[in-house]
Amino acid sequence: MIYRFLKWVAGIALHWFYREIRIVGEQNIPADGPVLIAANHQNALVDSLIAGGIMPRRIAMTAKATLIENPLLAVLFRIVGVVPLRRASDESAKTNGSLDRARNANAFREILRVLTRSGAVLIFPEGKSHNESGLEPLKSGLARLALRARDEESIRNLRVLPIGLTFENKAVPGSIVGVRIGEPLELDAW
């Protein structure tokens, strides 16, 4: 219930700020089954709100773990099902360059649990929000999760749904957002 309410509020805010959200490929959204949603990440929280708004079913979202250092956000994330990911860039800054390769083991378990229940999970493969016009180099987390889900957890019918977000001018009220939803990649066929 809280998820639906927040989705409704986010939809109002997005349509108040942006004049139009143009969606191409909406027919490509799987109605059911396990889905990893892969979106580019040029507009911080707005990217999650748009992806959550266009999906007809509930999705679990991922976010950088540093956000849960704020106690209010930590509680909100637990309520709506946000999975915090510990980014290498954040962790290496804390530990003078050494990384714990198992730093996201709990997050991956939670994502796999959602997929096992035929859920959908939003991931930003670039691993960060940015202001570049194109894609930043992709991280390996999405591919590792997809292969682990299929090969180790035997999750069948898993699809990766690519979503491209473009902003006429993301900081200007009344501008336009473009959303292109690609054809899902079916992991069982690989």
Protein backbone atom coordinates (compact mmCIF):
# COMPACT_ATOMS: atom_id res chain seq x y z
CA MET A 1 0.00 0.00 0.00
CA ILE A 2 2.82 2.42 0.86
CA TYR A 3 4.56 1.49 -2.42
CA ARG A 4 1.41 2.31 -4.44
CA PHE A 5 0.93 5.60 -2.60
CA LEU A 6 4.56 6.65 -3.16
CA LYS A 7 4.30 5.61 -6.83
CA TRP A 8 1.20 7.80 -7.17
CA VAL A 9 2.91 10.79 -5.50
CA ALA A 10 6.01 10.31 -7.67
CA GLY A 11 3.84 10.20 -10.80
CA ILE A 12 2.21 13.50 -9.87
CA ALA A 13 5.61 15.10 -9.19
CA LEU A 14 7.09 13.85 -12.47
CA HIS A 15 4.15 15.05 -14.54
CA TRP A 16 4.15 18.37 -12.72
CA PHE A 17 7.87 18.95 -13.42
CA TYR A 18 8.16 17.46 -16.91
CA ARG A 19 5.73 18.53 -19.62
CA GLU A 20 5.68 15.09 -21.16
CA ILE A 21 7.13 11.62 -20.66
CA ARG A 22 7.22 9.94 -24.07
CA ILE A 23 7.38 6.15 -23.94
CA VAL A 24 8.35 3.96 -26.90
CA GLY A 25 8.25 0.16 -26.63
CA GLU A 26 5.81 -0.19 -23.75
CA GLN A 27 4.62 -3.47 -25.31
CA ASN A 28 8.06 -4.95 -24.47
CA ILE A 29 7.44 -4.87 -20.71
CA PRO A 30 6.94 -8.44 -19.44
CA ALA A 31 3.66 -8.71 -17.54
CA ASP A 32 5.02 -11.39 -15.23
CA GLY A 33 8.03 -13.55 -14.48
CA PRO A 34 11.47 -12.61 -13.19
CA VAL A 35 12.93 -9.45 -14.75
CA LEU A 36 16.15 -7.51 -14.31
CA ILE A 37 15.49 -3.97 -15.54
CA ALA A 38 18.66 -2.33 -16.86
CA ALA A 39 18.43 1.46 -17.19
CA ASN A 40 20.92 4.21 -17.84
CA HIS A 41 21.39 6.64 -14.97
CA GLN A 42 21.63 10.32 -15.88
CA ASN A 43 19.20 11.85 -13.41
CA ALA A 44 19.69 10.35 -9.94
CA LEU A 45 16.43 9.57 -8.10
CA VAL A 46 14.31 10.70 -11.07
CA ASP A 47 15.52 7.69 -13.10
CA SER A 48 14.14 5.32 -10.46
CA LEU A 49 10.86 7.21 -10.26
CA ILE A 50 10.38 7.08 -14.03
CA ALA A 51 11.24 3.37 -14.26
CA GLY A 52 8.95 2.60 -11.33
CA GLY A 53 6.19 4.70 -12.85
CA ILE A 54 6.18 2.99 -16.24
CA MET A 55 6.25 -0.54 -14.87
CA PRO A 56 2.74 -1.90 -14.36
CA ARG A 57 3.84 -4.03 -11.42
CA ARG A 58 5.86 -3.50 -8.29
CA ILE A 59 9.62 -3.41 -8.72
CA ALA A 60 12.46 -3.63 -6.27
CA MET A 61 14.99 -0.88 -6.81
CA THR A 62 18.71 -0.73 -6.12
CA ALA A 63 20.56 2.29 -4.75
CA LYS A 64 24.00 3.10 -3.47
CA ALA A 65 24.46 1.92 0.10
CA THR A 66 25.83 5.27 1.26
CA LEU A 67 22.25 6.58 1.17
CA ILE A 68 21.22 4.34 4.08
CA GLU A 69 23.63 6.22 6.33
CA ASN A 70 20.68 8.59 6.66
CA PRO A 71 18.38 6.85 9.21
CA LEU A 72 15.20 8.22 7.61
CA LEU A 73 16.21 6.93 4.17
CA ALA A 74 17.22 3.59 5.68
CA VAL A 75 13.70 3.12 7.07
CA LEU A 76 12.05 4.27 3.83
CA PHE A 77 14.25 1.92 1.78
CA ARG A 78 13.24 -1.03 3.98
CA ILE A 79 9.55 -0.17 3.65
CA VAL A 80 9.53 0.13 -0.16
CA GLY A 81 12.05 -2.64 -0.84
CA VAL A 82 15.14 -0.76 -2.02
CA VAL A 83 18.24 -2.98 -2.05
CA PRO A 84 21.40 -1.05 -1.11
CA LEU A 85 24.51 -1.87 -3.16
CA ARG A 86 28.02 -1.16 -1.91
CA ARG A 87 29.81 0.44 -4.85
CA ALA A 88 33.51 -0.20 -5.33
CA SER A 89 34.16 3.54 -5.64
CA ASP A 90 32.56 4.25 -2.25
CA GLU A 91 34.18 1.30 -0.50
CA SER A 92 37.70 1.93 -1.79
CA ALA A 93 37.51 5.51 -0.53
CA LYS A 94 36.73 4.19 2.96
CA THR A 95 39.38 1.46 3.01
CA ASN A 96 42.33 3.09 1.21
CA GLY A 97 41.84 1.04 -1.94
CA SER A 98 41.28 -2.48 -0.62
CA LEU A 99 37.94 -4.02 -1.55
CA ASP A 100 35.90 -6.75 0.03
CA ARG A 101 34.86 -8.86 -2.98
CA ALA A 102 31.89 -10.18 -0.98
CA ARG A 103 30.65 -6.69 -0.08
CA ASN A 104 27.36 -7.18 -1.96
CA ALA A 105 26.67 -10.79 -0.99
CA ASN A 106 23.59 -9.85 1.06
CA ALA A 107 22.30 -7.50 -1.63
CA PHE A 108 22.72 -10.18 -4.32
CA ARG A 109 20.88 -12.70 -2.09
CA GLU A 110 18.00 -10.25 -1.70
CA ILE A 111 17.83 -9.57 -5.46
CA LEU A 112 17.90 -13.31 -6.21
CA ARG A 113 15.11 -13.83 -3.64
CA VAL A 114 12.97 -11.27 -5.50
CA LEU A 115 13.71 -12.96 -8.84
CA THR A 116 12.91 -16.40 -7.39
CA ARG A 117 9.45 -15.04 -6.58
CA SER A 118 9.06 -13.85 -10.22
CA GLY A 119 9.70 -10.25 -9.20
CA ALA A 120 11.30 -7.38 -11.07
CA VAL A 121 14.46 -5.55 -9.99
CA LEU A 122 15.77 -2.21 -11.31
CA ILE A 123 19.54 -1.96 -11.70
CA PHE A 124 21.70 0.81 -13.14
CA PRO A 125 24.61 -1.01 -14.83
CA GLU A 126 26.68 2.19 -15.06
CA GLY A 127 26.90 2.06 -11.27
CA LYS A 128 26.49 5.80 -10.81
CA SER A 129 24.39 8.75 -11.81
CA HIS A 130 26.15 11.15 -14.17
CA ASN A 131 25.71 14.11 -16.53
CA GLU A 132 27.29 12.63 -19.66
CA SER A 133 25.24 12.48 -22.86
CA GLY A 134 26.08 8.82 -23.48
CA LEU A 135 26.57 5.73 -21.38
CA GLU A 136 29.36 5.48 -18.86
CA PRO A 137 31.31 2.18 -18.77
CA LEU A 138 29.07 -0.61 -17.53
CA LYS A 139 29.85 -2.55 -14.36
CA SER A 140 29.59 -6.34 -14.20
CA GLY A 141 26.94 -6.65 -11.47
CA LEU A 142 23.93 -7.03 -13.77
CA ALA A 143 25.58 -9.77 -15.84
CA ARG A 144 26.83 -11.57 -12.72
CA LEU A 145 23.34 -11.48 -11.20
CA ALA A 146 21.65 -12.69 -14.39
CA LEU A 147 24.06 -15.60 -14.86
CA ARG A 148 23.98 -16.55 -11.20
CA ALA A 149 20.17 -16.47 -11.20
CA ARG A 150 20.02 -18.75 -14.22
CA ASP A 151 22.95 -21.06 -13.56
CA GLU A 152 23.18 -21.33 -9.77
CA GLU A 153 19.63 -20.56 -8.63
CA SER A 154 17.91 -22.25 -11.62
CA ILE A 155 15.59 -19.28 -12.12
CA ARG A 156 13.83 -19.89 -15.43
CA ASN A 157 12.27 -17.38 -17.82
CA LEU A 158 14.52 -14.60 -16.53
CA ARG A 159 14.60 -11.59 -18.81
CA VAL A 160 16.79 -8.51 -18.89
CA LEU A 161 14.73 -5.49 -19.93
CA PRO A 162 16.79 -2.58 -21.32
CA ILE A 163 15.43 0.91 -20.73
CA GLY A 164 16.98 4.06 -22.15
CA LEU A 165 16.15 7.41 -20.57
CA THR A 166 16.84 10.73 -22.29
CA PHE A 167 16.08 14.20 -21.01
CA GLU A 168 15.53 17.28 -23.13
CA ASN A 169 16.89 19.25 -20.18
CA LYS A 170 16.62 17.36 -16.90
CA ALA A 171 16.83 20.46 -14.70
CA VAL A 172 14.27 22.58 -16.55
CA PRO A 173 10.57 22.39 -15.65
CA GLY A 174 8.32 21.80 -18.64
CA SER A 175 10.89 19.84 -20.60
CA ILE A 176 10.40 16.39 -22.14
CA VAL A 177 11.61 12.96 -21.05
CA GLY A 178 12.08 10.16 -23.56
CA VAL A 179 11.83 6.52 -22.48
CA ARG A 180 12.76 3.73 -24.89
CA ILE A 181 12.02 0.21 -23.72
CA GLY A 182 13.96 -2.39 -25.67
CA GLU A 183 13.07 -5.98 -26.37
CA PRO A 184 13.73 -8.20 -23.36
CA LEU A 185 16.78 -10.46 -23.51
CA GLU A 186 15.72 -13.97 -22.54
CA LEU A 187 18.46 -15.70 -20.57
CA ASP A 188 17.13 -19.21 -21.14
CA ALA A 189 17.87 -18.79 -24.87
CA TRP A 190 21.57 -18.06 -24.28
